[in-house]
Amino acid sequence: VFLTSNNSREMSDALKRRCLHLYIPFPDT
C-alpha cells in the first residue's frame, strides 16, 4: 500500500502511526 500526499494538509496521528513515512524532495542536480 502506498498513500501519497502533497502536504496540502496535515495527516492525522492515527494514520501516520500505521504507516512507514517516506519523504521525497525535489532531486538534486
PDB file of all heavy atoms in Angstrom:
ATOM      1  N   VAL A   1       0.826  -1.205   0.000  1.00  0.00           N
ATOM      2  CA  VAL A   1       0.000   0.000   0.000  1.00  0.00           C
ATOM      3  C   VAL A   1       0.861   1.256   0.000  1.00  0.00           C
ATOM      4  O   VAL A   1       1.770   1.399   0.823  1.00  0.00           O
ATOM      5  CB  VAL A   1      -0.938   0.020   1.228  1.00  0.00           C
ATOM      6  CG1 VAL A   1      -1.816   1.271   1.197  1.00  0.00           C
ATOM      7  CG2 VAL A   1      -1.790  -1.239   1.277  1.00  0.00           C
ATOM      8  N   PHE A   2       0.551   2.162  -0.922  1.00  0.00           N
ATOM      9  CA  PHE A   2       1.164   3.490  -0.961  1.00  0.00           C
ATOM     10  C   PHE A   2       0.072   4.532  -0.764  1.00  0.00           C
ATOM     11  O   PHE A   2      -0.962   4.479  -1.429  1.00  0.00           O
ATOM     12  CB  PHE A   2       1.842   3.748  -2.314  1.00  0.00           C
ATOM     13  CG  PHE A   2       3.051   2.911  -2.582  1.00  0.00           C
ATOM     14  CD1 PHE A   2       2.940   1.688  -3.221  1.00  0.00           C
ATOM     15  CD2 PHE A   2       4.318   3.345  -2.203  1.00  0.00           C
ATOM     16  CE1 PHE A   2       4.055   0.900  -3.475  1.00  0.00           C
ATOM     17  CE2 PHE A   2       5.443   2.575  -2.456  1.00  0.00           C
ATOM     18  CZ  PHE A   2       5.311   1.350  -3.099  1.00  0.00           C
ATOM     19  N   LEU A   3       0.294   5.449   0.157  1.00  0.00           N
ATOM     20  CA  LEU A   3      -0.540   6.632   0.258  1.00  0.00           C
ATOM     21  C   LEU A   3       0.336   7.825  -0.103  1.00  0.00           C
ATOM     22  O   LEU A   3       1.455   7.959   0.424  1.00  0.00           O
ATOM     23  CB  LEU A   3      -1.090   6.822   1.672  1.00  0.00           C
ATOM     24  CG  LEU A   3      -1.946   5.697   2.262  1.00  0.00           C
ATOM     25  CD1 LEU A   3      -1.078   4.746   3.074  1.00  0.00           C
ATOM     26  CD2 LEU A   3      -3.045   6.257   3.150  1.00  0.00           C
ATOM     27  N   THR A   4      -0.104   8.669  -1.011  1.00  0.00           N
ATOM     28  CA  THR A   4       0.696   9.834  -1.371  1.00  0.00           C
ATOM     29  C   THR A   4       0.028  11.097  -0.860  1.00  0.00           C
ATOM     30  O   THR A   4      -1.200  11.184  -0.765  1.00  0.00           O
ATOM     31  CB  THR A   4       0.897   9.949  -2.892  1.00  0.00           C
ATOM     32  OG1 THR A   4      -0.344  10.336  -3.521  1.00  0.00           O
ATOM     33  CG2 THR A   4       1.382   8.638  -3.489  1.00  0.00           C
ATOM     34  N   SER A   5       0.859  12.079  -0.518  1.00  0.00           N
ATOM     35  CA  SER A   5       0.358  13.359  -0.017  1.00  0.00           C
ATOM     36  C   SER A   5       1.260  14.478  -0.516  1.00  0.00           C
ATOM     37  O   SER A   5       2.492  14.358  -0.484  1.00  0.00           O
ATOM     38  CB  SER A   5       0.328  13.355   1.512  1.00  0.00           C
ATOM     39  OG  SER A   5       0.097  14.652   2.022  1.00  0.00           O
ATOM     40  N   ASN A   6       0.627  15.560  -0.985  1.00  0.00           N
ATOM     41  CA  ASN A   6       1.362  16.751  -1.401  1.00  0.00           C
ATOM     42  C   ASN A   6       1.503  17.765  -0.272  1.00  0.00           C
ATOM     43  O   ASN A   6       1.861  18.927  -0.506  1.00  0.00           O
ATOM     44  CB  ASN A   6       0.659  17.420  -2.588  1.00  0.00           C
ATOM     45  CG  ASN A   6       0.680  16.558  -3.832  1.00  0.00           C
ATOM     46  OD1 ASN A   6       1.621  15.797  -4.059  1.00  0.00           O
ATOM     47  ND2 ASN A   6      -0.363  16.645  -4.637  1.00  0.00           N
ATOM     48  N   ASN A   7       1.165  17.324   0.950  1.00  0.00           N
ATOM     49  CA  ASN A   7       1.284  18.185   2.139  1.00  0.00           C
ATOM     50  C   ASN A   7       0.363  19.400   2.097  1.00  0.00           C
ATOM     51  O   ASN A   7       0.687  20.448   2.652  1.00  0.00           O
ATOM     52  CB  ASN A   7       2.735  18.651   2.337  1.00  0.00           C
ATOM     53  CG  ASN A   7       3.683  17.508   2.656  1.00  0.00           C
ATOM     54  OD1 ASN A   7       3.328  16.604   3.403  1.00  0.00           O
ATOM     55  ND2 ASN A   7       4.863  17.529   2.076  1.00  0.00           N
ATOM     56  N   SER A   8      -0.788  19.263   1.450  1.00  0.00           N
ATOM     57  CA  SER A   8      -1.735  20.373   1.450  1.00  0.00           C
ATOM     58  C   SER A   8      -2.453  20.484   2.792  1.00  0.00           C
ATOM     59  O   SER A   8      -3.021  21.528   3.122  1.00  0.00           O
ATOM     60  CB  SER A   8      -2.762  20.217   0.320  1.00  0.00           C
ATOM     61  OG  SER A   8      -3.555  19.055   0.512  1.00  0.00           O
ATOM     62  N   ARG A   9      -2.440  19.410   3.571  1.00  0.00           N
ATOM     63  CA  ARG A   9      -2.921  19.441   4.947  1.00  0.00           C
ATOM     64  C   ARG A   9      -2.197  18.361   5.736  1.00  0.00           C
ATOM     65  O   ARG A   9      -1.602  17.435   5.171  1.00  0.00           O
ATOM     66  CB  ARG A   9      -4.437  19.236   5.019  1.00  0.00           C
ATOM     67  CG  ARG A   9      -4.931  17.837   4.670  1.00  0.00           C
ATOM     68  CD  ARG A   9      -6.401  17.681   5.005  1.00  0.00           C
ATOM     69  NE  ARG A   9      -6.939  16.395   4.603  1.00  0.00           N
ATOM     70  CZ  ARG A   9      -6.863  15.289   5.353  1.00  0.00           C
ATOM     71  NH1 ARG A   9      -6.232  15.312   6.514  1.00  0.00           N
ATOM     72  NH2 ARG A   9      -7.386  14.153   4.919  1.00  0.00           N
ATOM     73  N   GLU A  10      -2.250  18.481   7.048  1.00  0.00           N
ATOM     74  CA  GLU A  10      -1.574  17.523   7.921  1.00  0.00           C
ATOM     75  C   GLU A  10      -2.389  16.241   8.035  1.00  0.00           C
ATOM     76  O   GLU A  10      -3.611  16.272   8.200  1.00  0.00           O
ATOM     77  CB  GLU A  10      -1.374  18.137   9.307  1.00  0.00           C
ATOM     78  CG  GLU A  10      -0.468  17.340  10.224  1.00  0.00           C
ATOM     79  CD  GLU A  10       0.985  17.338   9.783  1.00  0.00           C
ATOM     80  OE1 GLU A  10       1.378  18.275   9.062  1.00  0.00           O
ATOM     81  OE2 GLU A  10       1.708  16.402  10.161  1.00  0.00           O
ATOM     82  N   MET A  11      -1.717  15.105   7.947  1.00  0.00           N
ATOM     83  CA  MET A  11      -2.376  13.827   8.161  1.00  0.00           C
ATOM     84  C   MET A  11      -2.560  13.581   9.663  1.00  0.00           C
ATOM     85  O   MET A  11      -1.792  14.070  10.479  1.00  0.00           O
ATOM     86  CB  MET A  11      -1.543  12.679   7.561  1.00  0.00           C
ATOM     87  CG  MET A  11      -1.353  12.747   6.053  1.00  0.00           C
ATOM     88  SD  MET A  11      -2.889  12.477   5.143  1.00  0.00           S
ATOM     89  CE  MET A  11      -3.310  14.162   4.721  1.00  0.00           C
ATOM     90  N   SER A  12      -3.562  12.792  10.012  1.00  0.00           N
ATOM     91  CA  SER A  12      -3.831  12.513  11.424  1.00  0.00           C
ATOM     92  C   SER A  12      -2.736  11.623  12.010  1.00  0.00           C
ATOM     93  O   SER A  12      -2.076  10.848  11.309  1.00  0.00           O
ATOM     94  CB  SER A  12      -5.183  11.818  11.579  1.00  0.00           C
ATOM     95  OG  SER A  12      -5.134  10.503  11.042  1.00  0.00           O
ATOM     96  N   ASP A  13      -2.552  11.737  13.325  1.00  0.00           N
ATOM     97  CA  ASP A  13      -1.572  10.887  14.012  1.00  0.00           C
ATOM     98  C   ASP A  13      -1.928   9.418  13.868  1.00  0.00           C
ATOM     99  O   ASP A  13      -1.046   8.562  13.743  1.00  0.00           O
ATOM    100  CB  ASP A  13      -1.498  11.262  15.496  1.00  0.00           C
ATOM    101  CG  ASP A  13      -0.862  12.621  15.728  1.00  0.00           C
ATOM    102  OD1 ASP A  13      -0.204  13.131  14.801  1.00  0.00           O
ATOM    103  OD2 ASP A  13      -1.026  13.181  16.829  1.00  0.00           O
ATOM    104  N   ALA A  14      -3.234   9.114  13.903  1.00  0.00           N
ATOM    105  CA  ALA A  14      -3.668   7.718  13.799  1.00  0.00           C
ATOM    106  C   ALA A  14      -3.241   7.113  12.464  1.00  0.00           C
ATOM    107  O   ALA A  14      -2.808   5.957  12.402  1.00  0.00           O
ATOM    108  CB  ALA A  14      -5.185   7.631  13.963  1.00  0.00           C
ATOM    109  N   LEU A  15      -3.369   7.875  11.394  1.00  0.00           N
ATOM    110  CA  LEU A  15      -2.970   7.370  10.090  1.00  0.00           C
ATOM    111  C   LEU A  15      -1.449   7.229  10.014  1.00  0.00           C
ATOM    112  O   LEU A  15      -0.931   6.220   9.516  1.00  0.00           O
ATOM    113  CB  LEU A  15      -3.479   8.301   8.992  1.00  0.00           C
ATOM    114  CG  LEU A  15      -3.235   7.834   7.547  1.00  0.00           C
ATOM    115  CD1 LEU A  15      -4.435   8.161   6.656  1.00  0.00           C
ATOM    116  CD2 LEU A  15      -1.977   8.464   6.956  1.00  0.00           C
ATOM    117  N   LYS A  16      -0.728   8.243  10.521  1.00  0.00           N
ATOM    118  CA  LYS A  16       0.732   8.192  10.447  1.00  0.00           C
ATOM    119  C   LYS A  16       1.305   7.025  11.241  1.00  0.00           C
ATOM    120  O   LYS A  16       2.309   6.425  10.836  1.00  0.00           O
ATOM    121  CB  LYS A  16       1.320   9.515  10.937  1.00  0.00           C
ATOM    122  CG  LYS A  16       1.158  10.662   9.950  1.00  0.00           C
ATOM    123  CD  LYS A  16       1.946  11.894  10.388  1.00  0.00           C
ATOM    124  CE  LYS A  16       1.947  12.942   9.294  1.00  0.00           C
ATOM    125  NZ  LYS A  16       2.791  14.104   9.627  1.00  0.00           N
ATOM    126  N   ARG A  17       0.675   6.699  12.372  1.00  0.00           N
ATOM    127  CA  ARG A  17       1.176   5.589  13.195  1.00  0.00           C
ATOM    128  C   ARG A  17       1.126   4.265  12.449  1.00  0.00           C
ATOM    129  O   ARG A  17       1.918   3.364  12.728  1.00  0.00           O
ATOM    130  CB  ARG A  17       0.357   5.465  14.482  1.00  0.00           C
ATOM    131  CG  ARG A  17       0.698   6.445  15.572  1.00  0.00           C
ATOM    132  CD  ARG A  17       0.171   5.968  16.922  1.00  0.00           C
ATOM    133  NE  ARG A  17      -1.256   5.651  16.893  1.00  0.00           N
ATOM    134  CZ  ARG A  17      -2.223   6.531  17.110  1.00  0.00           C
ATOM    135  NH1 ARG A  17      -1.923   7.794  17.342  1.00  0.00           N
ATOM    136  NH2 ARG A  17      -3.492   6.152  17.083  1.00  0.00           N
ATOM    137  N   ARG A  18       0.202   4.133  11.553  1.00  0.00           N
ATOM    138  CA  ARG A  18       0.012   2.870  10.852  1.00  0.00           C
ATOM    139  C   ARG A  18       0.914   2.732   9.635  1.00  0.00           C
ATOM    140  O   ARG A  18       0.911   1.680   8.981  1.00  0.00           O
ATOM    141  CB  ARG A  18      -1.455   2.727  10.441  1.00  0.00           C
ATOM    142  CG  ARG A  18      -2.379   2.445  11.620  1.00  0.00           C
ATOM    143  CD  ARG A  18      -3.831   2.745  11.301  1.00  0.00           C
ATOM    144  NE  ARG A  18      -4.738   2.250  12.332  1.00  0.00           N
ATOM    145  CZ  ARG A  18      -4.956   2.851  13.485  1.00  0.00           C
ATOM    146  NH1 ARG A  18      -4.316   3.987  13.766  1.00  0.00           N
ATOM    147  NH2 ARG A  18      -5.800   2.343  14.378  1.00  0.00           N
ATOM    148  N   CYS A  19       1.650   3.771   9.306  1.00  0.00           N
ATOM    149  CA  CYS A  19       2.426   3.783   8.065  1.00  0.00           C
ATOM    150  C   CYS A  19       3.908   4.028   8.312  1.00  0.00           C
ATOM    151  O   CYS A  19       4.293   4.688   9.282  1.00  0.00           O
ATOM    152  CB  CYS A  19       1.914   4.880   7.118  1.00  0.00           C
ATOM    153  SG  CYS A  19       0.184   4.757   6.658  1.00  0.00           S
ATOM    154  N   LEU A  20       4.732   3.497   7.412  1.00  0.00           N
ATOM    155  CA  LEU A  20       6.105   3.966   7.310  1.00  0.00           C
ATOM    156  C   LEU A  20       6.077   5.322   6.609  1.00  0.00           C
ATOM    157  O   LEU A  20       5.265   5.538   5.712  1.00  0.00           O
ATOM    158  CB  LEU A  20       6.951   2.987   6.504  1.00  0.00           C
ATOM    159  CG  LEU A  20       7.093   1.561   7.035  1.00  0.00           C
ATOM    160  CD1 LEU A  20       7.908   0.719   6.063  1.00  0.00           C
ATOM    161  CD2 LEU A  20       7.732   1.556   8.411  1.00  0.00           C
ATOM    162  N   HIS A  21       6.940   6.218   7.030  1.00  0.00           N
ATOM    163  CA  HIS A  21       6.959   7.553   6.428  1.00  0.00           C
ATOM    164  C   HIS A  21       8.131   7.665   5.454  1.00  0.00           C
ATOM    165  O   HIS A  21       9.246   7.264   5.754  1.00  0.00           O
ATOM    166  CB  HIS A  21       7.083   8.633   7.500  1.00  0.00           C
ATOM    167  CG  HIS A  21       7.100  10.023   6.942  1.00  0.00           C
ATOM    168  ND1 HIS A  21       8.265  10.733   6.741  1.00  0.00           N
ATOM    169  CD2 HIS A  21       6.100  10.823   6.503  1.00  0.00           C
ATOM    170  CE1 HIS A  21       7.981  11.912   6.224  1.00  0.00           C
ATOM    171  NE2 HIS A  21       6.681  11.993   6.066  1.00  0.00           N
ATOM    172  N   LEU A  22       7.836   8.203   4.285  1.00  0.00           N
ATOM    173  CA  LEU A  22       8.877   8.413   3.272  1.00  0.00           C
ATOM    174  C   LEU A  22       8.669   9.792   2.662  1.00  0.00           C
ATOM    175  O   LEU A  22       7.593  10.077   2.126  1.00  0.00           O
ATOM    176  CB  LEU A  22       8.790   7.336   2.184  1.00  0.00           C
ATOM    177  CG  LEU A  22       9.726   7.498   0.976  1.00  0.00           C
ATOM    178  CD1 LEU A  22      11.185   7.417   1.416  1.00  0.00           C
ATOM    179  CD2 LEU A  22       9.426   6.439  -0.085  1.00  0.00           C
ATOM    180  N   TYR A  23       9.679  10.629   2.774  1.00  0.00           N
ATOM    181  CA  TYR A  23       9.602  11.959   2.184  1.00  0.00           C
ATOM    182  C   TYR A  23      10.507  12.008   0.953  1.00  0.00           C
ATOM    183  O   TYR A  23      11.683  11.649   1.014  1.00  0.00           O
ATOM    184  CB  TYR A  23      10.034  13.039   3.179  1.00  0.00           C
ATOM    185  CG  TYR A  23       9.890  14.449   2.621  1.00  0.00           C
ATOM    186  CD1 TYR A  23       8.662  15.103   2.675  1.00  0.00           C
ATOM    187  CD2 TYR A  23      10.963  15.099   2.020  1.00  0.00           C
ATOM    188  CE1 TYR A  23       8.509  16.384   2.148  1.00  0.00           C
ATOM    189  CE2 TYR A  23      10.819  16.370   1.494  1.00  0.00           C
ATOM    190  CZ  TYR A  23       9.588  17.013   1.565  1.00  0.00           C
ATOM    191  OH  TYR A  23       9.450  18.275   1.023  1.00  0.00           O
ATOM    192  N   ILE A  24       9.927  12.428  -0.169  1.00  0.00           N
ATOM    193  CA  ILE A  24      10.697  12.552  -1.409  1.00  0.00           C
ATOM    194  C   ILE A  24      10.782  14.034  -1.769  1.00  0.00           C
ATOM    195  O   ILE A  24       9.765  14.645  -2.121  1.00  0.00           O
ATOM    196  CB  ILE A  24      10.058  11.761  -2.568  1.00  0.00           C
ATOM    197  CG1 ILE A  24       9.917  10.285  -2.200  1.00  0.00           C
ATOM    198  CG2 ILE A  24      10.884  11.922  -3.833  1.00  0.00           C
ATOM    199  CD1 ILE A  24       9.290   9.432  -3.299  1.00  0.00           C
ATOM    200  N   PRO A  25      11.967  14.646  -1.686  1.00  0.00           N
ATOM    201  CA  PRO A  25      12.119  16.049  -2.054  1.00  0.00           C
ATOM    202  C   PRO A  25      12.382  16.174  -3.549  1.00  0.00           C
ATOM    203  O   PRO A  25      12.495  15.163  -4.270  1.00  0.00           O
ATOM    204  CB  PRO A  25      13.347  16.478  -1.245  1.00  0.00           C
ATOM    205  CG  PRO A  25      14.187  15.225  -1.215  1.00  0.00           C
ATOM    206  CD  PRO A  25      13.218  14.060  -1.169  1.00  0.00           C
ATOM    207  N   PHE A  26      12.499  17.403  -4.030  1.00  0.00           N
ATOM    208  CA  PHE A  26      12.977  17.586  -5.392  1.00  0.00           C
ATOM    209  C   PHE A  26      14.393  17.033  -5.488  1.00  0.00           C
ATOM    210  O   PHE A  26      15.180  17.152  -4.539  1.00  0.00           O
ATOM    211  CB  PHE A  26      12.983  19.074  -5.775  1.00  0.00           C
ATOM    212  CG  PHE A  26      11.620  19.627  -6.099  1.00  0.00           C
ATOM    213  CD1 PHE A  26      11.054  20.608  -5.309  1.00  0.00           C
ATOM    214  CD2 PHE A  26      10.916  19.166  -7.203  1.00  0.00           C
ATOM    215  CE1 PHE A  26       9.798  21.117  -5.609  1.00  0.00           C
ATOM    216  CE2 PHE A  26       9.658  19.666  -7.507  1.00  0.00           C
ATOM    217  CZ  PHE A  26       9.101  20.651  -6.705  1.00  0.00           C
ATOM    218  N   PRO A  27      14.753  16.423  -6.600  1.00  0.00           N
ATOM    219  CA  PRO A  27      16.088  15.832  -6.716  1.00  0.00           C
ATOM    220  C   PRO A  27      17.173  16.898  -6.793  1.00  0.00           C
ATOM    221  O   PRO A  27      16.930  18.014  -7.273  1.00  0.00           O
ATOM    222  CB  PRO A  27      16.006  15.037  -8.024  1.00  0.00           C
ATOM    223  CG  PRO A  27      14.963  15.755  -8.823  1.00  0.00           C
ATOM    224  CD  PRO A  27      13.961  16.257  -7.835  1.00  0.00           C
ATOM    225  N   ASP A  28      18.366  16.551  -6.322  1.00  0.00           N
ATOM    226  CA  ASP A  28      19.493  17.464  -6.515  1.00  0.00           C
ATOM    227  C   ASP A  28      19.980  17.366  -7.953  1.00  0.00           C
ATOM    228  O   ASP A  28      19.448  16.584  -8.769  1.00  0.00           O
ATOM    229  CB  ASP A  28      20.618  17.162  -5.516  1.00  0.00           C
ATOM    230  CG  ASP A  28      21.180  15.745  -5.640  1.00  0.00           C
ATOM    231  OD1 ASP A  28      20.982  15.103  -6.710  1.00  0.00           O
ATOM    232  OD2 ASP A  28      21.799  15.272  -4.683  1.00  0.00           O
ATOM    233  N   THR A  29      20.981  18.138  -8.284  1.00  0.00           N
ATOM    234  CA  THR A  29      21.445  18.209  -9.676  1.00  0.00           C
ATOM    235  C   THR A  29      21.894  16.849 -10.205  1.00  0.00           C
ATOM    236  O   THR A  29      21.504  16.436 -11.305  1.00  0.00           O
ATOM    237  CB  THR A  29      22.604  19.214  -9.788  1.00  0.00           C
ATOM    238  OG1 THR A  29      22.147  20.511  -9.393  1.00  0.00           O
ATOM    239  CG2 THR A  29      23.123  19.289 -11.223  1.00  0.00           C
TER     240      THR A  29
END
